[in-house]
Amino acid sequence: MPYLFLLIANVAGISKVIAMKNSGKVCPGEYNSVRINTLRSILCGLVSLAIFFISGANAQSNGWWIWLISGLSNALMMFLWVVCSQSIGLIYLETFSIIGSTAIPMLIAPLLYEGESVSLLQWLGFLCLLIAVIALSYKSKKGEIPTETKTHRKLSIIPIIYVLLLILSYVGTSVTQKLYPTIVGKEYTAYFNLMTFSVVLICFSSVLIFGKAFKKKSFLPESYSSSKKLFAYIFIAAVMIYVYQYFSTVAASMLSSAIFYPLIKGVAMLLTAVCDVVIYKQKLTANKLIGLFFVFSAILLINI
């Protein structure tokens, strides 16, 4: 059952990735990212509230600091992801997230959860993921100018501060997904998600209100009137973000850190590579095939 939850979370995850990237293309720019994510967080909040009441879930005051960190981390990650995705290919964006979402959570898991440990085979599985990242982001030979190489060149203009904050945001979102159900209880998952997205909404709406009051900026995205697709992307992303958050939190409560973190990232990398080829028409090169081989190897080693 936890593996089914994890698969549902990953399918929702790649769906939100596509929708978020497309919304960023329709309305590029940092402040448009704030506008888009405010609309998205409103929808996430409404979905969270509906699920909370429909499921008859209970509230719990304990562990408030966990959902606060979760909300702040999610808000930061959502903003940075849209901004960075405009200049970095999907597969390259994953190279930064793997550090924050997998390596650091695995490293600190024995300190957070009593009785948990990471075996040598599981660390080898993570090493396979790192090798897969290197293979998937390897530059092509001279004379070939695929989309990946152009994207890689743009990487140098991304501020280092953005990359570091993106890594930290992934740490916050990943660790809190498992920490909350472990400390408070998985029966409060709906409440955890509700409070997480409430904090996200407060963060983005505060920026919008500040921009309106002091910078005379509009609340709506600049090209909203010329693109009906934008709102469709925002709606799809909002629903998929909630589905991903809910099912990954449930899966995290049922699996050990050494299995959950690298497994969810490994499947995400696999789906991202397929997405790059099928949707964004990037070539299935030899280095990508090697990378996919190491992703499959990682999944096998993690579950032995």
C-alpha atoms as a PDB file:
ATOM      1  CA  MET A   1       0.000   0.000   0.000  1.00  0.00           C
ATOM      2  CA  PRO A   2       2.725   2.596   0.793  1.00  0.00           C
ATOM      3  CA  TYR A   3       4.265   1.953  -2.627  1.00  0.00           C
ATOM      4  CA  LEU A   4       0.910   2.632  -4.272  1.00  0.00           C
ATOM      5  CA  PHE A   5       0.646   5.912  -2.344  1.00  0.00           C
ATOM      6  CA  LEU A   6       4.173   6.790  -3.416  1.00  0.00           C
ATOM      7  CA  LEU A   7       3.354   6.057  -7.076  1.00  0.00           C
ATOM      8  CA  ILE A   8       0.227   8.245  -6.915  1.00  0.00           C
ATOM      9  CA  ALA A   9       2.312  11.025  -5.360  1.00  0.00           C
ATOM     10  CA  ASN A  10       4.902  10.792  -8.143  1.00  0.00           C
ATOM     11  CA  VAL A  11       2.325  10.860 -10.933  1.00  0.00           C
ATOM     12  CA  ALA A  12       0.789  13.934  -9.311  1.00  0.00           C
ATOM     13  CA  GLY A  13       4.287  15.373  -8.883  1.00  0.00           C
ATOM     14  CA  ILE A  14       5.234  15.173 -12.552  1.00  0.00           C
ATOM     15  CA  SER A  15       1.792  16.556 -13.489  1.00  0.00           C
ATOM     16  CA  LYS A  16       2.318  19.605 -11.281  1.00  0.00           C
ATOM     17  CA  VAL A  17       5.837  20.010 -12.724  1.00  0.00           C
ATOM     18  CA  ILE A  18       4.460  20.217 -16.264  1.00  0.00           C
ATOM     19  CA  ALA A  19       1.698  22.635 -15.251  1.00  0.00           C
ATOM     20  CA  MET A  20       4.079  24.832 -13.224  1.00  0.00           C
ATOM     21  CA  LYS A  21       6.630  24.989 -16.035  1.00  0.00           C
ATOM     22  CA  ASN A  22       3.957  25.854 -18.594  1.00  0.00           C
ATOM     23  CA  SER A  23       2.499  28.589 -16.382  1.00  0.00           C
ATOM     24  CA  GLY A  24       6.015  30.004 -16.034  1.00  0.00           C
ATOM     25  CA  LYS A  25       6.333  30.107 -19.819  1.00  0.00           C
ATOM     26  CA  VAL A  26       3.009  31.904 -20.210  1.00  0.00           C
ATOM     27  CA  CYS A  27       3.885  34.488 -17.548  1.00  0.00           C
ATOM     28  CA  PRO A  28       7.676  34.630 -17.047  1.00  0.00           C
ATOM     29  CA  GLY A  29       9.312  36.761 -14.401  1.00  0.00           C
ATOM     30  CA  GLU A  30       9.859  36.696 -10.655  1.00  0.00           C
ATOM     31  CA  TYR A  31       6.872  38.814  -9.673  1.00  0.00           C
ATOM     32  CA  ASN A  32       4.604  36.915 -12.022  1.00  0.00           C
ATOM     33  CA  SER A  33       5.780  33.822 -10.151  1.00  0.00           C
ATOM     34  CA  VAL A  34       4.454  35.396  -6.949  1.00  0.00           C
ATOM     35  CA  ARG A  35       1.119  36.200  -8.619  1.00  0.00           C
ATOM     36  CA  ILE A  36       0.796  32.698 -10.070  1.00  0.00           C
ATOM     37  CA  ASN A  37       1.699  31.000  -6.805  1.00  0.00           C
ATOM     38  CA  THR A  38      -0.763  33.181  -4.869  1.00  0.00           C
ATOM     39  CA  LEU A  39      -3.605  32.027  -7.106  1.00  0.00           C
ATOM     40  CA  ARG A  40      -2.321  28.461  -6.858  1.00  0.00           C
ATOM     41  CA  SER A  41      -2.071  28.584  -3.065  1.00  0.00           C
ATOM     42  CA  ILE A  42      -5.645  29.926  -2.818  1.00  0.00           C
ATOM     43  CA  LEU A  43      -6.851  26.898  -4.757  1.00  0.00           C
ATOM     44  CA  CYS A  44      -4.632  24.566  -2.680  1.00  0.00           C
ATOM     45  CA  GLY A  45      -6.082  26.096   0.471  1.00  0.00           C
ATOM     46  CA  LEU A  46      -9.659  25.565  -0.742  1.00  0.00           C
ATOM     47  CA  VAL A  47      -8.920  21.942  -1.676  1.00  0.00           C
ATOM     48  CA  SER A  48      -7.223  21.397   1.700  1.00  0.00           C
ATOM     49  CA  LEU A  49     -10.200  22.893   3.554  1.00  0.00           C
ATOM     50  CA  ALA A  50     -12.667  20.763   1.609  1.00  0.00           C
ATOM     51  CA  ILE A  51     -10.718  17.549   2.255  1.00  0.00           C
ATOM     52  CA  PHE A  52     -10.328  18.459   5.939  1.00  0.00           C
ATOM     53  CA  PHE A  53     -14.100  18.780   6.490  1.00  0.00           C
ATOM     54  CA  ILE A  54     -15.166  15.969   4.141  1.00  0.00           C
ATOM     55  CA  SER A  55     -12.789  13.488   5.786  1.00  0.00           C
ATOM     56  CA  GLY A  56     -13.903  14.541   9.270  1.00  0.00           C
ATOM     57  CA  ALA A  57     -10.285  15.081  10.275  1.00  0.00           C
ATOM     58  CA  ASN A  58      -9.339  16.507  13.654  1.00  0.00           C
ATOM     59  CA  ALA A  59      -7.058  19.426  14.496  1.00  0.00           C
ATOM     60  CA  GLN A  60      -4.029  19.093  16.753  1.00  0.00           C
ATOM     61  CA  SER A  61      -2.080  21.915  18.398  1.00  0.00           C
ATOM     62  CA  ASN A  62       1.036  19.803  18.936  1.00  0.00           C
ATOM     63  CA  GLY A  63       3.699  20.056  16.257  1.00  0.00           C
ATOM     64  CA  TRP A  64       2.637  23.507  15.056  1.00  0.00           C
ATOM     65  CA  TRP A  65       6.255  24.370  14.356  1.00  0.00           C
ATOM     66  CA  ILE A  66       6.476  21.473  11.876  1.00  0.00           C
ATOM     67  CA  TRP A  67       3.640  22.688   9.647  1.00  0.00           C
ATOM     68  CA  LEU A  68       5.000  26.227   9.967  1.00  0.00           C
ATOM     69  CA  ILE A  69       8.379  25.090   8.608  1.00  0.00           C
ATOM     70  CA  SER A  70       6.561  23.029   5.980  1.00  0.00           C
ATOM     71  CA  GLY A  71       4.537  26.032   4.817  1.00  0.00           C
ATOM     72  CA  LEU A  72       7.522  28.383   4.670  1.00  0.00           C
ATOM     73  CA  SER A  73       9.608  25.762   2.844  1.00  0.00           C
ATOM     74  CA  ASN A  74       6.841  25.014   0.335  1.00  0.00           C
ATOM     75  CA  ALA A  75       6.316  28.716  -0.379  1.00  0.00           C
ATOM     76  CA  LEU A  76      10.037  29.236  -0.974  1.00  0.00           C
ATOM     77  CA  MET A  77      10.311  26.124  -3.122  1.00  0.00           C
ATOM     78  CA  MET A  78       7.258  27.017  -5.241  1.00  0.00           C
ATOM     79  CA  PHE A  79       8.637  30.501  -5.926  1.00  0.00           C
ATOM     80  CA  LEU A  80      12.188  29.400  -6.702  1.00  0.00           C
ATOM     81  CA  TRP A  81      11.045  26.462  -8.812  1.00  0.00           C
ATOM     82  CA  VAL A  82       9.038  28.636 -11.210  1.00  0.00           C
ATOM     83  CA  VAL A  83      11.844  31.214 -11.443  1.00  0.00           C
ATOM     84  CA  CYS A  84      14.635  28.669 -11.947  1.00  0.00           C
ATOM     85  CA  SER A  85      12.625  26.490 -14.346  1.00  0.00           C
ATOM     86  CA  GLN A  86      12.574  29.381 -16.810  1.00  0.00           C
ATOM     87  CA  SER A  87      16.321  29.050 -17.329  1.00  0.00           C
ATOM     88  CA  ILE A  88      17.062  25.441 -16.289  1.00  0.00           C
ATOM     89  CA  GLY A  89      15.762  22.251 -17.934  1.00  0.00           C
ATOM     90  CA  LEU A  90      13.631  19.941 -15.832  1.00  0.00           C
ATOM     91  CA  ILE A  91      16.323  17.295 -15.485  1.00  0.00           C
ATOM     92  CA  TYR A  92      18.903  19.869 -14.345  1.00  0.00           C
ATOM     93  CA  LEU A  93      16.526  21.270 -11.769  1.00  0.00           C
ATOM     94  CA  GLU A  94      16.349  17.768 -10.290  1.00  0.00           C
ATOM     95  CA  THR A  95      20.120  17.754  -9.754  1.00  0.00           C
ATOM     96  CA  PHE A  96      19.739  20.481  -7.137  1.00  0.00           C
ATOM     97  CA  SER A  97      16.650  19.018  -5.511  1.00  0.00           C
ATOM     98  CA  ILE A  98      18.245  15.610  -4.938  1.00  0.00           C
ATOM     99  CA  ILE A  99      20.654  17.088  -2.388  1.00  0.00           C
ATOM    100  CA  GLY A 100      17.932  18.687  -0.307  1.00  0.00           C
ATOM    101  CA  SER A 101      15.198  16.107  -0.768  1.00  0.00           C
ATOM    102  CA  THR A 102      17.253  12.921  -0.430  1.00  0.00           C
ATOM    103  CA  ALA A 103      20.854  13.199   0.787  1.00  0.00           C
ATOM    104  CA  ILE A 104      20.323  15.514   3.775  1.00  0.00           C
ATOM    105  CA  PRO A 105      17.084  13.844   5.008  1.00  0.00           C
ATOM    106  CA  MET A 106      18.765  10.418   4.817  1.00  0.00           C
ATOM    107  CA  LEU A 107      21.782  11.759   6.682  1.00  0.00           C
ATOM    108  CA  ILE A 108      19.808  13.192   9.586  1.00  0.00           C
ATOM    109  CA  ALA A 109      17.138  10.440   9.748  1.00  0.00           C
ATOM    110  CA  PRO A 110      18.982   8.411  12.448  1.00  0.00           C
ATOM    111  CA  LEU A 111      19.038  11.568  14.599  1.00  0.00           C
ATOM    112  CA  LEU A 112      15.334  12.330  14.132  1.00  0.00           C
ATOM    113  CA  TYR A 113      13.758   8.879  14.275  1.00  0.00           C
ATOM    114  CA  GLU A 114      14.645   6.343  16.917  1.00  0.00           C
ATOM    115  CA  GLY A 115      15.631   2.965  15.524  1.00  0.00           C
ATOM    116  CA  GLU A 116      16.139   4.154  11.947  1.00  0.00           C
ATOM    117  CA  SER A 117      19.386   3.576  10.094  1.00  0.00           C
ATOM    118  CA  VAL A 118      20.670   3.668   6.534  1.00  0.00           C
ATOM    119  CA  SER A 119      22.337   0.517   5.222  1.00  0.00           C
ATOM    120  CA  LEU A 120      25.326   0.358   2.907  1.00  0.00           C
ATOM    121  CA  LEU A 121      23.134  -0.900   0.040  1.00  0.00           C
ATOM    122  CA  GLN A 122      20.789   2.049   0.496  1.00  0.00           C
ATOM    123  CA  TRP A 123      23.689   4.503   0.400  1.00  0.00           C
ATOM    124  CA  LEU A 124      24.877   2.698  -2.747  1.00  0.00           C
ATOM    125  CA  GLY A 125      21.389   3.226  -4.138  1.00  0.00           C
ATOM    126  CA  PHE A 126      21.708   6.937  -3.456  1.00  0.00           C
ATOM    127  CA  LEU A 127      25.143   6.888  -5.108  1.00  0.00           C
ATOM    128  CA  CYS A 128      23.465   5.404  -8.187  1.00  0.00           C
ATOM    129  CA  LEU A 129      21.061   8.337  -8.168  1.00  0.00           C
ATOM    130  CA  LEU A 130      23.993  10.737  -8.107  1.00  0.00           C
ATOM    131  CA  ILE A 131      25.598   8.919 -11.025  1.00  0.00           C
ATOM    132  CA  ALA A 132      22.275   9.078 -12.851  1.00  0.00           C
ATOM    133  CA  VAL A 133      22.156  12.847 -12.280  1.00  0.00           C
ATOM    134  CA  ILE A 134      25.666  13.243 -13.711  1.00  0.00           C
ATOM    135  CA  ALA A 135      24.798  11.094 -16.737  1.00  0.00           C
ATOM    136  CA  LEU A 136      21.524  12.892 -17.367  1.00  0.00           C
ATOM    137  CA  SER A 137      23.187  16.318 -17.203  1.00  0.00           C
ATOM    138  CA  TYR A 138      26.341  15.412 -19.157  1.00  0.00           C
ATOM    139  CA  LYS A 139      27.234  17.788 -21.987  1.00  0.00           C
ATOM    140  CA  SER A 140      26.985  16.456 -25.531  1.00  0.00           C
ATOM    141  CA  LYS A 141      29.918  16.380 -27.910  1.00  0.00           C
ATOM    142  CA  LYS A 142      30.972  19.413 -29.937  1.00  0.00           C
ATOM    143  CA  GLY A 143      28.958  19.943 -33.054  1.00  0.00           C
ATOM    144  CA  GLU A 144      25.736  18.889 -31.372  1.00  0.00           C
ATOM    145  CA  ILE A 145      23.653  21.672 -29.855  1.00  0.00           C
ATOM    146  CA  PRO A 146      20.642  20.029 -28.237  1.00  0.00           C
ATOM    147  CA  THR A 147      18.316  21.784 -25.870  1.00  0.00           C
ATOM    148  CA  GLU A 148      20.111  20.291 -22.868  1.00  0.00           C
ATOM    149  CA  THR A 149      23.424  21.974 -23.716  1.00  0.00           C
ATOM    150  CA  LYS A 150      21.819  25.355 -24.223  1.00  0.00           C
ATOM    151  CA  THR A 151      20.049  24.976 -20.911  1.00  0.00           C
ATOM    152  CA  HIS A 152      23.267  23.972 -19.187  1.00  0.00           C
ATOM    153  CA  ARG A 153      24.992  27.135 -20.398  1.00  0.00           C
ATOM    154  CA  LYS A 154      22.252  29.243 -18.878  1.00  0.00           C
ATOM    155  CA  LEU A 155      22.939  27.637 -15.533  1.00  0.00           C
ATOM    156  CA  SER A 156      25.889  29.970 -14.901  1.00  0.00           C
ATOM    157  CA  ILE A 157      23.603  33.016 -14.724  1.00  0.00           C
ATOM    158  CA  ILE A 158      21.439  31.557 -11.946  1.00  0.00           C
ATOM    159  CA  PRO A 159      22.372  33.280  -8.674  1.00  0.00           C
ATOM    160  CA  ILE A 160      24.077  30.931  -6.231  1.00  0.00           C
ATOM    161  CA  ILE A 161      21.769  32.189  -3.525  1.00  0.00           C
ATOM    162  CA  TYR A 162      18.745  30.856  -5.443  1.00  0.00           C
ATOM    163  CA  VAL A 163      20.294  27.400  -5.689  1.00  0.00           C
ATOM    164  CA  LEU A 164      21.192  27.270  -1.992  1.00  0.00           C
ATOM    165  CA  LEU A 165      17.728  28.427  -0.941  1.00  0.00           C
ATOM    166  CA  LEU A 166      16.152  25.896  -3.282  1.00  0.00           C
ATOM    167  CA  ILE A 167      18.154  23.107  -1.633  1.00  0.00           C
ATOM    168  CA  LEU A 168      17.141  24.295   1.854  1.00  0.00           C
ATOM    169  CA  SER A 169      13.492  24.526   0.820  1.00  0.00           C
ATOM    170  CA  TYR A 170      13.603  20.913  -0.351  1.00  0.00           C
ATOM    171  CA  VAL A 171      15.094  19.885   2.996  1.00  0.00           C
ATOM    172  CA  GLY A 172      12.236  21.595   4.821  1.00  0.00           C
ATOM    173  CA  THR A 173       9.477  20.134   2.666  1.00  0.00           C
ATOM    174  CA  SER A 174      10.934  16.607   2.690  1.00  0.00           C
ATOM    175  CA  VAL A 175      11.774  16.318   6.377  1.00  0.00           C
ATOM    176  CA  THR A 176       8.461  17.745   7.620  1.00  0.00           C
ATOM    177  CA  GLN A 177       6.473  15.261   5.499  1.00  0.00           C
ATOM    178  CA  LYS A 178       7.784  12.412   7.624  1.00  0.00           C
ATOM    179  CA  LEU A 179       8.400  14.280  10.876  1.00  0.00           C
ATOM    180  CA  TYR A 180       4.795  15.430  11.400  1.00  0.00           C
ATOM    181  CA  PRO A 181       3.032  12.033  11.120  1.00  0.00           C
ATOM    182  CA  THR A 182       5.818  10.455  13.189  1.00  0.00           C
ATOM    183  CA  ILE A 183       5.538  12.931  16.071  1.00  0.00           C
ATOM    184  CA  VAL A 184       1.851  13.922  15.919  1.00  0.00           C
ATOM    185  CA  GLY A 185       0.208  11.003  14.080  1.00  0.00           C
ATOM    186  CA  LYS A 186      -0.706  10.187  10.493  1.00  0.00           C
ATOM    187  CA  GLU A 187      -4.440  10.594  11.288  1.00  0.00           C
ATOM    188  CA  TYR A 188      -3.752  14.352  11.326  1.00  0.00           C
ATOM    189  CA  THR A 189      -2.355  14.442   7.770  1.00  0.00           C
ATOM    190  CA  ALA A 190      -5.333  16.428   6.427  1.00  0.00           C
ATOM    191  CA  TYR A 191      -4.853  19.045   9.145  1.00  0.00           C
ATOM    192  CA  PHE A 192      -1.098  19.180   8.449  1.00  0.00           C
ATOM    193  CA  ASN A 193      -1.768  19.863   4.759  1.00  0.00           C
ATOM    194  CA  LEU A 194      -4.420  22.467   5.559  1.00  0.00           C
ATOM    195  CA  MET A 195      -2.066  24.415   7.817  1.00  0.00           C
ATOM    196  CA  THR A 196       0.865  24.009   5.423  1.00  0.00           C
ATOM    197  CA  PHE A 197      -1.032  25.561   2.515  1.00  0.00           C
ATOM    198  CA  SER A 198      -2.480  28.240   4.794  1.00  0.00           C
ATOM    199  CA  VAL A 199       1.062  29.378   5.582  1.00  0.00           C
ATOM    200  CA  VAL A 200       1.927  29.237   1.865  1.00  0.00           C
ATOM    201  CA  LEU A 201      -1.071  31.455   1.075  1.00  0.00           C
ATOM    202  CA  ILE A 202      -0.132  33.952   3.789  1.00  0.00           C
ATOM    203  CA  CYS A 203       3.422  34.191   2.425  1.00  0.00           C
ATOM    204  CA  PHE A 204       2.463  34.872  -1.193  1.00  0.00           C
ATOM    205  CA  SER A 205      -0.531  37.092  -0.452  1.00  0.00           C
ATOM    206  CA  SER A 206       1.600  39.210   1.901  1.00  0.00           C
ATOM    207  CA  VAL A 207       4.085  39.844  -0.890  1.00  0.00           C
ATOM    208  CA  LEU A 208       1.261  40.754  -3.285  1.00  0.00           C
ATOM    209  CA  ILE A 209      -0.336  43.150  -0.796  1.00  0.00           C
ATOM    210  CA  PHE A 210       3.047  44.776  -0.136  1.00  0.00           C
ATOM    211  CA  GLY A 211       3.647  45.134  -3.876  1.00  0.00           C
ATOM    212  CA  LYS A 212       0.218  46.664  -4.411  1.00  0.00           C
ATOM    213  CA  ALA A 213       0.551  49.095  -1.506  1.00  0.00           C
ATOM    214  CA  PHE A 214       4.119  50.299  -2.057  1.00  0.00           C
ATOM    215  CA  LYS A 215       5.041  49.392  -5.641  1.00  0.00           C
ATOM    216  CA  LYS A 216       1.638  49.913  -7.319  1.00  0.00           C
ATOM    217  CA  LYS A 217       1.779  46.435  -8.840  1.00  0.00           C
ATOM    218  CA  SER A 218      -1.343  44.594  -9.966  1.00  0.00           C
ATOM    219  CA  PHE A 219      -2.641  41.470  -8.248  1.00  0.00           C
ATOM    220  CA  LEU A 220      -3.193  39.487 -11.455  1.00  0.00           C
ATOM    221  CA  PRO A 221      -0.456  38.125 -13.759  1.00  0.00           C
ATOM    222  CA  GLU A 222       0.537  40.558 -16.492  1.00  0.00           C
ATOM    223  CA  SER A 223      -0.675  38.438 -19.404  1.00  0.00           C
ATOM    224  CA  TYR A 224      -3.763  36.969 -17.756  1.00  0.00           C
ATOM    225  CA  SER A 225      -6.154  38.558 -20.248  1.00  0.00           C
ATOM    226  CA  SER A 226      -4.383  37.082 -23.282  1.00  0.00           C
ATOM    227  CA  SER A 227      -3.961  33.527 -22.076  1.00  0.00           C
ATOM    228  CA  LYS A 228      -6.825  31.364 -20.899  1.00  0.00           C
ATOM    229  CA  LYS A 229      -4.372  28.462 -20.628  1.00  0.00           C
ATOM    230  CA  LEU A 230      -2.680  30.125 -17.661  1.00  0.00           C
ATOM    231  CA  PHE A 231      -5.623  29.577 -15.320  1.00  0.00           C
ATOM    232  CA  ALA A 232      -5.975  25.979 -16.495  1.00  0.00           C
ATOM    233  CA  TYR A 233      -2.295  25.382 -15.651  1.00  0.00           C
ATOM    234  CA  ILE A 234      -2.726  27.059 -12.262  1.00  0.00           C
ATOM    235  CA  PHE A 235      -5.779  24.922 -11.434  1.00  0.00           C
ATOM    236  CA  ILE A 236      -4.111  21.657 -12.488  1.00  0.00           C
ATOM    237  CA  ALA A 237      -0.950  22.516 -10.561  1.00  0.00           C
ATOM    238  CA  ALA A 238      -2.936  23.390  -7.426  1.00  0.00           C
ATOM    239  CA  VAL A 239      -4.836  20.104  -7.380  1.00  0.00           C
ATOM    240  CA  MET A 240      -1.733  18.051  -8.179  1.00  0.00           C
ATOM    241  CA  ILE A 241       0.304  19.848  -5.502  1.00  0.00           C
ATOM    242  CA  TYR A 242      -2.265  18.843  -2.888  1.00  0.00           C
ATOM    243  CA  VAL A 243      -2.452  15.245  -4.155  1.00  0.00           C
ATOM    244  CA  TYR A 244       1.343  15.023  -4.104  1.00  0.00           C
ATOM    245  CA  GLN A 245       1.592  16.503  -0.612  1.00  0.00           C
ATOM    246  CA  TYR A 246      -1.125  14.265   0.831  1.00  0.00           C
ATOM    247  CA  PHE A 247      -0.026  10.916  -0.589  1.00  0.00           C
ATOM    248  CA  SER A 248       3.696  11.511  -0.119  1.00  0.00           C
ATOM    249  CA  THR A 249       3.049  12.390   3.541  1.00  0.00           C
ATOM    250  CA  VAL A 250       1.030   9.198   4.023  1.00  0.00           C
ATOM    251  CA  ALA A 251       3.730   7.141   2.266  1.00  0.00           C
ATOM    252  CA  ALA A 252       6.452   8.777   4.386  1.00  0.00           C
ATOM    253  CA  SER A 253       4.650   7.723   7.563  1.00  0.00           C
ATOM    254  CA  MET A 254       4.673   4.087   6.401  1.00  0.00           C
ATOM    255  CA  LEU A 255       8.204   3.772   4.992  1.00  0.00           C
ATOM    256  CA  SER A 256      11.621   4.248   6.557  1.00  0.00           C
ATOM    257  CA  SER A 257      13.640   7.298   5.524  1.00  0.00           C
ATOM    258  CA  ALA A 258      16.272   5.150   3.799  1.00  0.00           C
ATOM    259  CA  ILE A 259      13.586   3.797   1.473  1.00  0.00           C
ATOM    260  CA  PHE A 260      11.161   6.702   1.144  1.00  0.00           C
ATOM    261  CA  TYR A 261      13.476   9.609   0.271  1.00  0.00           C
ATOM    262  CA  PRO A 262      15.626   7.986  -2.440  1.00  0.00           C
ATOM    263  CA  LEU A 263      12.696   5.992  -3.834  1.00  0.00           C
ATOM    264  CA  ILE A 264      10.396   8.971  -4.331  1.00  0.00           C
ATOM    265  CA  LYS A 265      13.246  10.930  -5.884  1.00  0.00           C
ATOM    266  CA  GLY A 266      14.299   8.025  -8.104  1.00  0.00           C
ATOM    267  CA  VAL A 267      10.807   7.595  -9.522  1.00  0.00           C
ATOM    268  CA  ALA A 268      10.549  11.379  -9.950  1.00  0.00           C
ATOM    269  CA  MET A 269      13.807  11.429 -11.943  1.00  0.00           C
ATOM    270  CA  LEU A 270      12.533   8.593 -14.114  1.00  0.00           C
ATOM    271  CA  LEU A 271       9.267  10.390 -14.848  1.00  0.00           C
ATOM    272  CA  THR A 272      11.107  13.674 -15.438  1.00  0.00           C
ATOM    273  CA  ALA A 273      13.404  12.092 -18.033  1.00  0.00           C
ATOM    274  CA  VAL A 274      10.401  10.559 -19.802  1.00  0.00           C
ATOM    275  CA  CYS A 275       8.636  13.942 -19.640  1.00  0.00           C
ATOM    276  CA  ASP A 276      11.618  15.696 -21.218  1.00  0.00           C
ATOM    277  CA  VAL A 277      11.611  13.252 -24.132  1.00  0.00           C
ATOM    278  CA  VAL A 278       7.865  12.826 -24.717  1.00  0.00           C
ATOM    279  CA  ILE A 279       6.506  16.314 -23.933  1.00  0.00           C
ATOM    280  CA  TYR A 280       9.471  18.647 -24.484  1.00  0.00           C
ATOM    281  CA  LYS A 281      10.836  16.663 -27.458  1.00  0.00           C
ATOM    282  CA  GLN A 282      14.390  16.337 -26.169  1.00  0.00           C
ATOM    283  CA  LYS A 283      16.509  13.569 -27.668  1.00  0.00           C
ATOM    284  CA  LEU A 284      16.889  10.237 -25.877  1.00  0.00           C
ATOM    285  CA  THR A 285      20.693  10.286 -25.947  1.00  0.00           C
ATOM    286  CA  ALA A 286      23.125   7.614 -24.752  1.00  0.00           C
ATOM    287  CA  ASN A 287      23.879   9.490 -21.540  1.00  0.00           C
ATOM    288  CA  LYS A 288      20.173   9.612 -20.737  1.00  0.00           C
ATOM    289  CA  LEU A 289      19.883   5.876 -21.233  1.00  0.00           C
ATOM    290  CA  ILE A 290      22.840   5.379 -18.892  1.00  0.00           C
ATOM    291  CA  GLY A 291      21.204   7.697 -16.377  1.00  0.00           C
ATOM    292  CA  LEU A 292      17.939   5.756 -16.519  1.00  0.00           C
ATOM    293  CA  PHE A 293      19.855   2.507 -16.016  1.00  0.00           C
ATOM    294  CA  PHE A 294      21.353   3.873 -12.790  1.00  0.00           C
ATOM    295  CA  VAL A 295      17.936   5.098 -11.642  1.00  0.00           C
ATOM    296  CA  PHE A 296      16.567   1.562 -11.994  1.00  0.00           C
ATOM    297  CA  SER A 297      19.679   0.203 -10.239  1.00  0.00           C
ATOM    298  CA  ALA A 298      19.120   2.635  -7.382  1.00  0.00           C
ATOM    299  CA  ILE A 299      15.507   1.569  -6.966  1.00  0.00           C
ATOM    300  CA  LEU A 300      16.536  -2.088  -6.810  1.00  0.00           C
ATOM    301  CA  LEU A 301      19.342  -1.497  -4.297  1.00  0.00           C
ATOM    302  CA  ILE A 302      17.146   0.633  -2.042  1.00  0.00           C
ATOM    303  CA  ASN A 303      14.530  -2.104  -1.778  1.00  0.00           C
ATOM    304  CA  ILE A 304      16.844  -5.112  -1.273  1.00  0.00           C
END
